N, C-alpha and C. Protein backbone atom coordinates (compact mmCIF):
# COMPACT_ATOMS: atom_id res chain seq x y z
N UNK A 1 66.30 -55.14 98.84
CA UNK A 1 66.14 -56.23 100.18
C UNK A 1 64.93 -55.22 101.40
N UNK A 2 64.02 -55.35 101.46
CA UNK A 2 63.13 -54.67 102.56
C UNK A 2 63.33 -54.62 103.66
N UNK A 3 63.20 -53.94 104.37
CA UNK A 3 63.35 -53.84 106.26
C UNK A 3 62.34 -54.45 106.50
N UNK A 4 62.21 -55.21 107.57
CA UNK A 4 61.01 -54.97 108.38
C UNK A 4 60.76 -54.18 109.34
N UNK A 5 59.84 -54.29 110.11
CA UNK A 5 59.37 -53.23 110.98
C UNK A 5 60.42 -53.87 112.53
N UNK A 6 59.93 -54.79 112.37
CA UNK A 6 60.52 -55.64 114.23
C UNK A 6 62.36 -55.40 113.62
N UNK A 7 63.27 -55.31 112.36
CA UNK A 7 64.26 -55.03 112.28
C UNK A 7 64.38 -53.12 112.52
N UNK A 8 63.43 -52.62 111.94
CA UNK A 8 63.68 -51.36 112.28
C UNK A 8 63.66 -50.86 113.59
N UNK A 9 62.94 -51.13 114.71
CA UNK A 9 62.52 -51.11 115.87
C UNK A 9 63.80 -51.67 116.52
N UNK A 10 64.32 -52.41 116.75
CA UNK A 10 65.57 -53.24 117.28
C UNK A 10 66.52 -52.23 116.96
N UNK A 11 66.50 -51.78 115.53
CA UNK A 11 67.98 -50.50 115.89
C UNK A 11 67.76 -49.67 116.37
N UNK A 12 66.63 -49.10 116.78
CA UNK A 12 66.35 -48.03 117.26
C UNK A 12 66.27 -48.14 118.31
N UNK A 13 65.96 -49.02 119.21
CA UNK A 13 65.62 -49.51 120.65
C UNK A 13 67.29 -49.99 121.23
N UNK A 14 68.12 -50.73 120.16
CA UNK A 14 69.36 -50.55 120.39
C UNK A 14 70.42 -49.36 120.94
N UNK A 15 69.91 -48.11 120.25
CA UNK A 15 70.39 -47.04 120.36
C UNK A 15 69.62 -46.18 121.38
N UNK A 16 68.41 -46.46 121.53
CA UNK A 16 67.78 -45.76 122.76
C UNK A 16 66.74 -46.62 123.49
N UNK A 17 67.65 -47.35 124.53
CA UNK A 17 66.53 -48.17 124.86
C UNK A 17 65.32 -47.83 125.90
N UNK A 18 65.76 -46.84 126.00
CA UNK A 18 64.20 -46.25 126.90
C UNK A 18 63.25 -45.71 125.67
N UNK A 19 63.56 -45.93 124.85
CA UNK A 19 62.60 -45.41 123.45
C UNK A 19 60.93 -46.26 123.49
N UNK A 20 59.76 -45.68 123.31
CA UNK A 20 58.84 -46.08 123.33
C UNK A 20 58.54 -45.52 121.57
N UNK A 21 58.66 -47.00 120.93
CA UNK A 21 58.81 -46.71 119.70
C UNK A 21 57.38 -47.53 118.91
N UNK A 22 57.15 -47.03 117.71
CA UNK A 22 55.60 -47.33 117.18
C UNK A 22 55.68 -47.31 115.67
N UNK A 23 56.11 -48.30 115.02
CA UNK A 23 56.39 -48.34 113.36
C UNK A 23 55.34 -48.79 112.96
N UNK A 24 54.88 -48.23 111.87
CA UNK A 24 54.03 -48.33 110.75
C UNK A 24 54.16 -48.67 109.16
N UNK A 25 53.64 -49.97 108.93
CA UNK A 25 54.26 -50.05 107.63
C UNK A 25 52.60 -49.60 106.29
N UNK A 26 53.54 -48.43 106.36
CA UNK A 26 52.17 -47.59 105.15
C UNK A 26 51.61 -47.98 104.21
N UNK A 27 52.47 -48.82 103.29
CA UNK A 27 51.62 -49.35 102.14
C UNK A 27 51.66 -51.06 102.04
N UNK A 28 52.45 -51.49 103.45
CA UNK A 28 52.34 -53.06 103.01
C UNK A 28 53.21 -53.76 102.16
N UNK A 29 54.37 -52.84 102.10
CA UNK A 29 55.37 -53.35 100.87
C UNK A 29 56.53 -53.31 101.70
N UNK A 30 57.22 -53.18 103.00
CA UNK A 30 57.70 -53.19 103.43
C UNK A 30 59.17 -52.63 103.49
N UNK A 31 58.45 -51.26 102.29
CA UNK A 31 59.39 -50.70 101.96
C UNK A 31 58.99 -48.86 102.27
N UNK A 32 57.64 -48.55 102.73
CA UNK A 32 57.43 -47.09 103.36
C UNK A 32 57.01 -47.40 104.95
N UNK A 33 57.84 -47.06 105.53
CA UNK A 33 57.50 -46.70 107.06
C UNK A 33 56.93 -45.70 107.67
N UNK A 34 56.13 -45.25 108.60
CA UNK A 34 56.19 -44.07 109.55
C UNK A 34 56.70 -45.05 111.11
N UNK A 35 57.19 -43.81 111.50
CA UNK A 35 57.90 -44.06 113.03
C UNK A 35 57.47 -42.94 114.08
N UNK A 36 57.31 -43.36 115.27
CA UNK A 36 56.84 -42.54 116.27
C UNK A 36 58.20 -42.62 117.05
N UNK A 37 59.02 -42.10 117.57
CA UNK A 37 59.73 -43.01 118.59
C UNK A 37 59.85 -41.70 119.71
N UNK A 38 59.67 -42.05 120.86
CA UNK A 38 59.87 -40.98 122.47
C UNK A 38 60.92 -41.73 122.94
N UNK A 39 61.85 -40.69 123.40
CA UNK A 39 63.19 -40.99 124.20
C UNK A 39 63.50 -39.55 124.97
N UNK A 40 64.19 -40.33 126.12
CA UNK A 40 64.44 -38.95 126.80
C UNK A 40 65.75 -38.14 126.44
N UNK A 41 66.60 -38.95 125.36
CA UNK A 41 67.62 -38.30 124.62
C UNK A 41 67.77 -37.17 123.79
N UNK A 42 66.34 -37.18 123.59
CA UNK A 42 66.24 -36.13 122.42
C UNK A 42 65.60 -35.03 123.64
N UNK A 43 65.66 -34.68 124.73
CA UNK A 43 65.29 -33.77 125.48
C UNK A 43 66.78 -32.76 124.76
N UNK A 44 65.70 -31.40 124.68
CA UNK A 44 66.97 -30.27 124.55
C UNK A 44 67.31 -30.23 122.72
N UNK A 45 67.03 -31.20 122.22
CA UNK A 45 67.43 -31.39 120.93
C UNK A 45 66.32 -30.76 120.18
N UNK A 46 66.96 -30.39 118.57
CA UNK A 46 66.09 -29.77 117.72
C UNK A 46 65.17 -31.24 117.07
N UNK A 47 64.07 -30.55 116.85
CA UNK A 47 63.61 -31.69 115.73
C UNK A 47 64.24 -32.13 114.73
N UNK A 48 65.64 -31.58 113.91
CA UNK A 48 66.05 -32.21 113.23
C UNK A 48 67.10 -32.81 113.82
N UNK A 49 68.07 -32.59 114.94
CA UNK A 49 68.77 -33.37 115.56
C UNK A 49 67.97 -34.26 116.09
N UNK A 50 66.86 -34.83 116.40
CA UNK A 50 66.44 -35.99 117.10
C UNK A 50 66.12 -36.60 115.62
N UNK A 51 66.17 -36.19 114.28
CA UNK A 51 65.69 -37.12 113.51
C UNK A 51 67.21 -37.71 112.73
N UNK A 52 68.28 -36.94 112.91
CA UNK A 52 69.30 -37.12 112.40
C UNK A 52 70.29 -38.36 114.02
N UNK A 53 69.42 -38.27 115.04
CA UNK A 53 69.92 -39.14 116.12
C UNK A 53 69.26 -40.62 115.84
N UNK A 54 67.85 -40.48 115.20
CA UNK A 54 67.25 -42.10 114.69
C UNK A 54 68.36 -42.43 113.20
N UNK A 55 68.34 -41.63 112.38
CA UNK A 55 68.85 -41.80 111.03
C UNK A 55 70.47 -42.36 111.81
N UNK A 56 71.12 -42.14 112.54
CA UNK A 56 72.47 -42.39 112.73
C UNK A 56 71.86 -44.00 113.00
N UNK A 57 71.08 -44.05 113.96
CA UNK A 57 71.05 -45.71 114.56
C UNK A 57 70.70 -46.56 113.83
N UNK A 58 70.10 -46.24 112.61
CA UNK A 58 69.36 -47.24 111.59
C UNK A 58 70.73 -46.95 110.38
N UNK A 59 71.59 -46.90 111.04
CA UNK A 59 73.27 -47.54 110.86
C UNK A 59 73.58 -47.73 109.24
N UNK A 60 72.87 -46.40 108.42
CA UNK A 60 73.25 -46.25 106.72
C UNK A 60 72.16 -47.16 106.25
N UNK A 61 70.66 -47.92 106.76
CA UNK A 61 70.08 -48.25 105.82
C UNK A 61 69.21 -47.36 105.17
N UNK A 62 68.68 -46.02 105.74
CA UNK A 62 68.22 -45.39 105.14
C UNK A 62 68.77 -45.56 103.64
N UNK A 63 67.56 -45.35 102.13
CA UNK A 63 67.97 -44.91 100.70
C UNK A 63 68.12 -45.97 100.47
N UNK A 64 68.92 -47.45 101.21
CA UNK A 64 69.20 -48.50 100.70
C UNK A 64 68.22 -49.70 100.75
N UNK A 65 68.17 -50.11 102.20
CA UNK A 65 67.26 -51.49 102.36
C UNK A 65 65.62 -50.89 102.95
N UNK A 66 66.16 -49.60 103.35
CA UNK A 66 64.66 -49.14 103.89
C UNK A 66 64.30 -47.69 102.94
N UNK A 67 63.71 -47.49 102.30
CA UNK A 67 63.67 -46.71 101.09
C UNK A 67 62.62 -45.60 101.77
N UNK A 68 62.32 -45.31 102.87
CA UNK A 68 61.18 -44.25 102.96
C UNK A 68 60.87 -44.34 104.45
N UNK A 69 61.23 -43.19 105.54
CA UNK A 69 60.55 -43.53 107.18
C UNK A 69 60.24 -42.03 107.19
N UNK A 70 58.46 -41.77 107.13
CA UNK A 70 58.26 -40.94 107.82
C UNK A 70 57.84 -40.31 109.35
N UNK A 71 59.21 -39.87 110.11
CA UNK A 71 59.22 -39.92 111.41
C UNK A 71 58.55 -38.49 112.38
N UNK A 72 58.46 -39.25 113.65
CA UNK A 72 58.04 -38.20 114.63
C UNK A 72 58.34 -38.96 115.78
N UNK A 73 59.16 -37.29 116.65
CA UNK A 73 60.19 -37.70 117.17
C UNK A 73 59.60 -37.18 118.62
N UNK A 74 59.62 -37.39 119.72
CA UNK A 74 60.16 -36.12 121.21
C UNK A 74 60.62 -36.88 122.02
N UNK A 75 60.58 -35.84 123.22
CA UNK A 75 61.24 -36.64 124.40
C UNK A 75 60.06 -36.82 125.31
N UNK A 76 59.54 -37.86 126.17
CA UNK A 76 58.30 -37.60 127.02
C UNK A 76 58.20 -36.46 127.94
N UNK A 77 56.88 -36.37 127.98
CA UNK A 77 56.27 -34.76 128.40
C UNK A 77 56.43 -35.55 130.00
C-alpha cells in the first residue's frame, strides 16, 4: 500500500516541527517521491546524518509503504 505525500510530510513534521517540507510525487503513482526538508536540527550534521534522521522519522516505512524517496536536506541559511 502506497503512502500519500501528506502522510510523509506529517511524519517528518512530527520529528522536525520547525521543518519546511516540500513533497513531490515523481511518477504520480504514490510510490516514488522527492522531498526537500529544511530544519535547524540538521545544523552541523553531515548529509548522510541528515538523511538518516529523516529515514528515522519515517518509522520504518521506507522500503515498505514508501518505495522510493529522493531526499534533499539542509539547515536554514
